Amino acid sequence: LRWVRRLVRVRRRFSAFGGGSFEPLHPENRAVLAFFRRLGDELLLCVHNLSRYAQYAELDLRALDGWTPLELWSENPFPKIGQLPYLLTMSPHGFYWFALRPPAAAAGPGAP
């Protein structure tokens, strides 16, 4: 029950989950569902492993070169997106939800 409450809290923090556009990505691994949710300035990346086995996904995110994915559960930044396919590995039935931050916003106030 705690996990579900936390899931709902995270989802409520971002309007794009409920009312944003759905923009599917097409990873080669068919066991992985990946998509963007976008509403206004809010851009979320959702990646879900639909398999009962650990899986990987290579996502073509070149259009977001320099952006930083911020994982929504832990609020930890992941490596910046570059020109190469963005590689993620996931546990069985695992998922990632990321808020994507543009280069200026990722640095934050007071950053060198």
N, C-alpha and C. Protein backbone atom coordinates (compact mmCIF):
# COMPACT_ATOMS: atom_id res chain seq x y z
N LEU A 1 0.83 -1.19 0.00
CA LEU A 1 0.00 0.00 0.00
C LEU A 1 0.87 1.26 0.00
N ARG A 2 1.98 1.24 0.73
CA ARG A 2 2.87 2.40 0.74
C ARG A 2 3.42 2.69 -0.65
N TRP A 3 3.74 1.62 -1.38
CA TRP A 3 4.28 1.79 -2.73
C TRP A 3 3.25 2.46 -3.63
N VAL A 4 1.99 2.06 -3.53
CA VAL A 4 0.93 2.65 -4.35
C VAL A 4 0.72 4.11 -3.97
N ARG A 5 0.74 4.42 -2.69
CA ARG A 5 0.60 5.82 -2.25
C ARG A 5 1.73 6.68 -2.81
N ARG A 6 2.92 6.15 -2.77
CA ARG A 6 4.07 6.90 -3.30
C ARG A 6 3.93 7.08 -4.81
N LEU A 7 3.48 6.05 -5.50
CA LEU A 7 3.26 6.13 -6.94
C LEU A 7 2.25 7.24 -7.27
N VAL A 8 1.17 7.31 -6.52
CA VAL A 8 0.16 8.33 -6.74
C VAL A 8 0.72 9.72 -6.45
N ARG A 9 1.52 9.87 -5.39
CA ARG A 9 2.13 11.17 -5.08
C ARG A 9 3.04 11.65 -6.20
N VAL A 10 3.87 10.74 -6.70
CA VAL A 10 4.77 11.11 -7.80
C VAL A 10 3.95 11.51 -9.02
N ARG A 11 2.93 10.74 -9.33
CA ARG A 11 2.11 11.02 -10.51
C ARG A 11 1.39 12.36 -10.39
N ARG A 12 0.91 12.71 -9.21
CA ARG A 12 0.20 13.97 -8.99
C ARG A 12 1.11 15.20 -9.13
N ARG A 13 2.39 15.03 -8.90
CA ARG A 13 3.33 16.16 -9.01
C ARG A 13 3.49 16.65 -10.44
N PHE A 14 3.14 15.83 -11.42
CA PHE A 14 3.38 16.17 -12.82
C PHE A 14 2.08 16.11 -13.62
N SER A 15 1.65 17.26 -14.10
CA SER A 15 0.39 17.37 -14.84
C SER A 15 0.42 16.59 -16.15
N ALA A 16 1.60 16.40 -16.72
CA ALA A 16 1.72 15.72 -18.02
C ALA A 16 1.24 14.28 -17.95
N PHE A 17 1.29 13.65 -16.78
CA PHE A 17 0.80 12.27 -16.66
C PHE A 17 -0.70 12.20 -16.95
N GLY A 18 -1.46 13.16 -16.46
CA GLY A 18 -2.90 13.10 -16.60
C GLY A 18 -3.43 13.77 -17.86
N GLY A 19 -2.78 14.83 -18.32
CA GLY A 19 -3.34 15.57 -19.44
C GLY A 19 -2.39 15.84 -20.58
N GLY A 20 -1.21 15.28 -20.52
CA GLY A 20 -0.22 15.56 -21.56
C GLY A 20 -0.38 14.71 -22.79
N SER A 21 0.34 15.09 -23.82
CA SER A 21 0.31 14.31 -25.06
C SER A 21 1.07 13.00 -24.86
N PHE A 22 0.71 12.03 -25.65
CA PHE A 22 1.36 10.72 -25.63
C PHE A 22 2.15 10.59 -26.92
N GLU A 23 3.48 10.49 -26.81
CA GLU A 23 4.36 10.41 -27.98
C GLU A 23 5.19 9.14 -27.87
N PRO A 24 4.81 8.08 -28.56
CA PRO A 24 5.53 6.81 -28.42
C PRO A 24 6.92 6.86 -29.03
N LEU A 25 7.83 6.16 -28.40
CA LEU A 25 9.16 5.91 -28.95
C LEU A 25 9.15 4.46 -29.43
N HIS A 26 10.10 4.12 -30.26
CA HIS A 26 10.09 2.78 -30.85
C HIS A 26 11.43 2.08 -30.63
N PRO A 27 11.70 1.61 -29.39
CA PRO A 27 12.94 0.86 -29.17
C PRO A 27 12.90 -0.47 -29.93
N GLU A 28 14.07 -0.95 -30.31
CA GLU A 28 14.12 -2.23 -31.04
C GLU A 28 13.65 -3.39 -30.18
N ASN A 29 13.87 -3.31 -28.89
CA ASN A 29 13.45 -4.37 -27.97
C ASN A 29 11.94 -4.28 -27.79
N ARG A 30 11.22 -5.25 -28.30
CA ARG A 30 9.76 -5.23 -28.27
C ARG A 30 9.18 -5.48 -26.89
N ALA A 31 10.01 -5.88 -25.94
CA ALA A 31 9.53 -6.09 -24.57
C ALA A 31 9.50 -4.79 -23.78
N VAL A 32 9.94 -3.70 -24.39
CA VAL A 32 10.04 -2.41 -23.70
C VAL A 32 9.07 -1.41 -24.34
N LEU A 33 8.27 -0.77 -23.50
CA LEU A 33 7.37 0.30 -23.92
C LEU A 33 7.98 1.61 -23.47
N ALA A 34 8.21 2.53 -24.40
CA ALA A 34 8.80 3.83 -24.07
C ALA A 34 7.99 4.92 -24.75
N PHE A 35 7.78 6.01 -24.02
CA PHE A 35 7.01 7.12 -24.57
C PHE A 35 7.30 8.40 -23.81
N PHE A 36 7.00 9.54 -24.47
CA PHE A 36 7.06 10.85 -23.84
C PHE A 36 5.65 11.24 -23.43
N ARG A 37 5.55 11.99 -22.34
CA ARG A 37 4.33 12.71 -21.97
C ARG A 37 4.75 14.17 -21.91
N ARG A 38 4.01 15.03 -22.62
CA ARG A 38 4.39 16.44 -22.72
C ARG A 38 3.17 17.31 -22.46
N LEU A 39 3.35 18.31 -21.61
CA LEU A 39 2.31 19.30 -21.34
C LEU A 39 3.01 20.61 -21.01
N GLY A 40 2.84 21.60 -21.86
CA GLY A 40 3.51 22.88 -21.66
C GLY A 40 5.02 22.69 -21.66
N ASP A 41 5.68 23.18 -20.62
CA ASP A 41 7.14 23.05 -20.50
C ASP A 41 7.55 21.73 -19.85
N GLU A 42 6.59 20.93 -19.45
CA GLU A 42 6.87 19.67 -18.75
C GLU A 42 7.04 18.55 -19.77
N LEU A 43 8.19 17.88 -19.71
CA LEU A 43 8.47 16.76 -20.61
C LEU A 43 8.91 15.56 -19.77
N LEU A 44 8.17 14.47 -19.87
CA LEU A 44 8.46 13.25 -19.12
C LEU A 44 8.80 12.13 -20.08
N LEU A 45 9.73 11.29 -19.68
CA LEU A 45 10.08 10.09 -20.42
C LEU A 45 9.72 8.90 -19.55
N CYS A 46 8.90 8.00 -20.08
CA CYS A 46 8.48 6.81 -19.35
C CYS A 46 8.98 5.58 -20.11
N VAL A 47 9.65 4.69 -19.41
CA VAL A 47 10.18 3.47 -20.02
C VAL A 47 9.77 2.30 -19.13
N HIS A 48 9.08 1.31 -19.73
CA HIS A 48 8.53 0.19 -18.97
C HIS A 48 8.99 -1.14 -19.57
N ASN A 49 9.46 -2.02 -18.71
CA ASN A 49 9.82 -3.38 -19.11
C ASN A 49 8.57 -4.25 -18.94
N LEU A 50 8.04 -4.74 -20.03
CA LEU A 50 6.82 -5.55 -19.98
C LEU A 50 7.12 -7.05 -19.85
N SER A 51 8.39 -7.38 -19.71
CA SER A 51 8.80 -8.77 -19.65
C SER A 51 9.03 -9.23 -18.21
N ARG A 52 8.98 -10.53 -18.01
CA ARG A 52 9.31 -11.07 -16.69
C ARG A 52 10.81 -11.29 -16.53
N TYR A 53 11.57 -10.89 -17.54
CA TYR A 53 13.03 -11.00 -17.51
C TYR A 53 13.64 -9.61 -17.59
N ALA A 54 14.86 -9.48 -17.10
CA ALA A 54 15.58 -8.21 -17.23
C ALA A 54 15.73 -7.87 -18.71
N GLN A 55 15.60 -6.59 -19.04
CA GLN A 55 15.65 -6.14 -20.43
C GLN A 55 16.47 -4.86 -20.53
N TYR A 56 16.85 -4.53 -21.76
CA TYR A 56 17.54 -3.28 -22.05
C TYR A 56 16.73 -2.52 -23.09
N ALA A 57 17.00 -1.23 -23.18
CA ALA A 57 16.40 -0.42 -24.23
C ALA A 57 17.41 0.60 -24.69
N GLU A 58 17.54 0.73 -26.00
CA GLU A 58 18.34 1.79 -26.59
C GLU A 58 17.37 2.77 -27.22
N LEU A 59 17.36 4.00 -26.71
CA LEU A 59 16.40 5.00 -27.16
C LEU A 59 17.10 6.07 -27.97
N ASP A 60 16.50 6.45 -29.08
CA ASP A 60 17.03 7.52 -29.91
C ASP A 60 16.51 8.85 -29.37
N LEU A 61 17.34 9.51 -28.58
CA LEU A 61 16.97 10.78 -27.95
C LEU A 61 17.88 11.91 -28.44
N ARG A 62 18.47 11.75 -29.62
CA ARG A 62 19.41 12.75 -30.13
C ARG A 62 18.83 14.16 -30.18
N ALA A 63 17.53 14.28 -30.38
CA ALA A 63 16.91 15.60 -30.44
C ALA A 63 17.01 16.34 -29.10
N LEU A 64 17.29 15.60 -28.04
CA LEU A 64 17.41 16.19 -26.68
C LEU A 64 18.85 16.21 -26.21
N ASP A 65 19.78 16.32 -27.13
CA ASP A 65 21.21 16.34 -26.80
C ASP A 65 21.51 17.41 -25.75
N GLY A 66 22.17 17.00 -24.66
CA GLY A 66 22.53 17.92 -23.59
C GLY A 66 21.51 17.96 -22.46
N TRP A 67 20.33 17.41 -22.66
CA TRP A 67 19.31 17.39 -21.61
C TRP A 67 19.68 16.35 -20.55
N THR A 68 19.16 16.54 -19.34
CA THR A 68 19.45 15.63 -18.23
C THR A 68 18.17 14.95 -17.75
N PRO A 69 18.11 13.61 -17.77
CA PRO A 69 16.96 12.91 -17.20
C PRO A 69 17.06 12.91 -15.67
N LEU A 70 16.00 13.32 -15.01
CA LEU A 70 15.92 13.30 -13.55
C LEU A 70 14.91 12.23 -13.17
N GLU A 71 15.39 11.15 -12.54
CA GLU A 71 14.53 10.03 -12.18
C GLU A 71 13.54 10.49 -11.11
N LEU A 72 12.25 10.24 -11.32
CA LEU A 72 11.22 10.83 -10.47
C LEU A 72 11.09 10.20 -9.09
N TRP A 73 11.41 8.94 -8.93
CA TRP A 73 11.29 8.29 -7.62
C TRP A 73 12.36 8.77 -6.65
N SER A 74 13.60 8.80 -7.12
CA SER A 74 14.72 9.15 -6.25
C SER A 74 15.17 10.59 -6.42
N GLU A 75 14.72 11.26 -7.49
CA GLU A 75 15.15 12.60 -7.87
C GLU A 75 16.64 12.66 -8.14
N ASN A 76 17.22 11.53 -8.55
CA ASN A 76 18.63 11.48 -8.93
C ASN A 76 18.77 11.77 -10.41
N PRO A 77 19.74 12.61 -10.78
CA PRO A 77 20.00 12.83 -12.20
C PRO A 77 20.71 11.63 -12.81
N PHE A 78 20.34 11.29 -14.02
CA PHE A 78 21.01 10.24 -14.79
C PHE A 78 21.98 10.92 -15.76
N PRO A 79 22.83 10.17 -16.43
CA PRO A 79 23.78 10.78 -17.38
C PRO A 79 23.05 11.58 -18.46
N LYS A 80 23.69 12.67 -18.87
CA LYS A 80 23.11 13.53 -19.90
C LYS A 80 22.90 12.76 -21.20
N ILE A 81 21.91 13.20 -21.93
CA ILE A 81 21.61 12.62 -23.24
C ILE A 81 22.61 13.18 -24.24
N GLY A 82 23.09 12.32 -25.12
CA GLY A 82 24.05 12.74 -26.14
C GLY A 82 23.60 12.31 -27.52
N GLN A 83 24.54 12.16 -28.43
CA GLN A 83 24.24 11.79 -29.81
C GLN A 83 24.11 10.28 -30.00
N LEU A 84 24.62 9.50 -29.07
CA LEU A 84 24.51 8.04 -29.16
C LEU A 84 23.16 7.59 -28.60
N PRO A 85 22.71 6.38 -28.94
CA PRO A 85 21.46 5.88 -28.34
C PRO A 85 21.59 5.85 -26.81
N TYR A 86 20.52 6.24 -26.13
CA TYR A 86 20.51 6.26 -24.67
C TYR A 86 20.16 4.86 -24.18
N LEU A 87 21.08 4.25 -23.44
CA LEU A 87 20.93 2.86 -23.01
C LEU A 87 20.40 2.80 -21.58
N LEU A 88 19.35 2.02 -21.39
CA LEU A 88 18.79 1.76 -20.06
C LEU A 88 18.63 0.26 -19.89
N THR A 89 18.89 -0.24 -18.70
CA THR A 89 18.61 -1.63 -18.37
C THR A 89 17.60 -1.63 -17.23
N MET A 90 16.69 -2.60 -17.28
CA MET A 90 15.62 -2.64 -16.30
C MET A 90 15.43 -4.04 -15.76
N SER A 91 15.05 -4.12 -14.50
CA SER A 91 14.75 -5.40 -13.87
C SER A 91 13.42 -5.92 -14.43
N PRO A 92 13.08 -7.17 -14.15
CA PRO A 92 11.80 -7.72 -14.62
C PRO A 92 10.63 -6.83 -14.18
N HIS A 93 9.78 -6.48 -15.13
CA HIS A 93 8.61 -5.62 -14.91
C HIS A 93 8.99 -4.27 -14.31
N GLY A 94 10.24 -3.86 -14.48
CA GLY A 94 10.70 -2.58 -13.95
C GLY A 94 10.32 -1.43 -14.87
N PHE A 95 10.48 -0.23 -14.34
CA PHE A 95 10.19 0.95 -15.14
C PHE A 95 11.00 2.14 -14.64
N TYR A 96 11.12 3.13 -15.50
CA TYR A 96 11.72 4.42 -15.16
C TYR A 96 10.77 5.51 -15.60
N TRP A 97 10.62 6.52 -14.75
CA TRP A 97 9.94 7.75 -15.12
C TRP A 97 10.95 8.86 -14.93
N PHE A 98 11.16 9.64 -15.96
CA PHE A 98 12.13 10.72 -15.93
C PHE A 98 11.45 12.05 -16.25
N ALA A 99 11.84 13.10 -15.55
CA ALA A 99 11.56 14.47 -15.97
C ALA A 99 12.81 14.89 -16.75
N LEU A 100 12.62 15.38 -17.95
CA LEU A 100 13.76 15.78 -18.77
C LEU A 100 14.00 17.27 -18.61
N ARG A 101 15.21 17.61 -18.22
CA ARG A 101 15.59 18.99 -17.94
C ARG A 101 16.50 19.51 -19.04
N PRO A 102 16.18 20.69 -19.59
CA PRO A 102 17.06 21.27 -20.61
C PRO A 102 18.40 21.66 -20.00
N PRO A 103 19.42 21.86 -20.82
CA PRO A 103 20.78 22.12 -20.29
C PRO A 103 20.85 23.24 -19.27
N ALA A 104 20.18 24.36 -19.46
CA ALA A 104 20.26 25.46 -18.52
C ALA A 104 19.57 25.12 -17.20
N ALA A 105 18.43 24.44 -17.25
CA ALA A 105 17.68 24.10 -16.04
C ALA A 105 18.37 23.00 -15.25
N ALA A 106 19.10 22.11 -15.92
CA ALA A 106 19.76 21.00 -15.23
C ALA A 106 20.85 21.50 -14.32
N ALA A 107 21.52 22.59 -14.70
CA ALA A 107 22.61 23.12 -13.88
C ALA A 107 22.09 23.67 -12.57
N GLY A 108 20.91 24.30 -12.59
CA GLY A 108 20.31 24.82 -11.37
C GLY A 108 21.01 26.09 -10.90
N PRO A 109 20.42 26.79 -9.95
CA PRO A 109 21.01 28.02 -9.45
C PRO A 109 22.28 27.74 -8.65
N GLY A 110 23.25 28.59 -8.84
CA GLY A 110 24.50 28.47 -8.10
C GLY A 110 25.46 27.41 -8.62
N ALA A 111 25.11 26.75 -9.71
CA ALA A 111 26.01 25.72 -10.27
C ALA A 111 27.15 26.39 -11.01
N PRO A 112 28.31 25.78 -11.01
CA PRO A 112 29.47 26.39 -11.70
C PRO A 112 29.28 26.41 -13.20
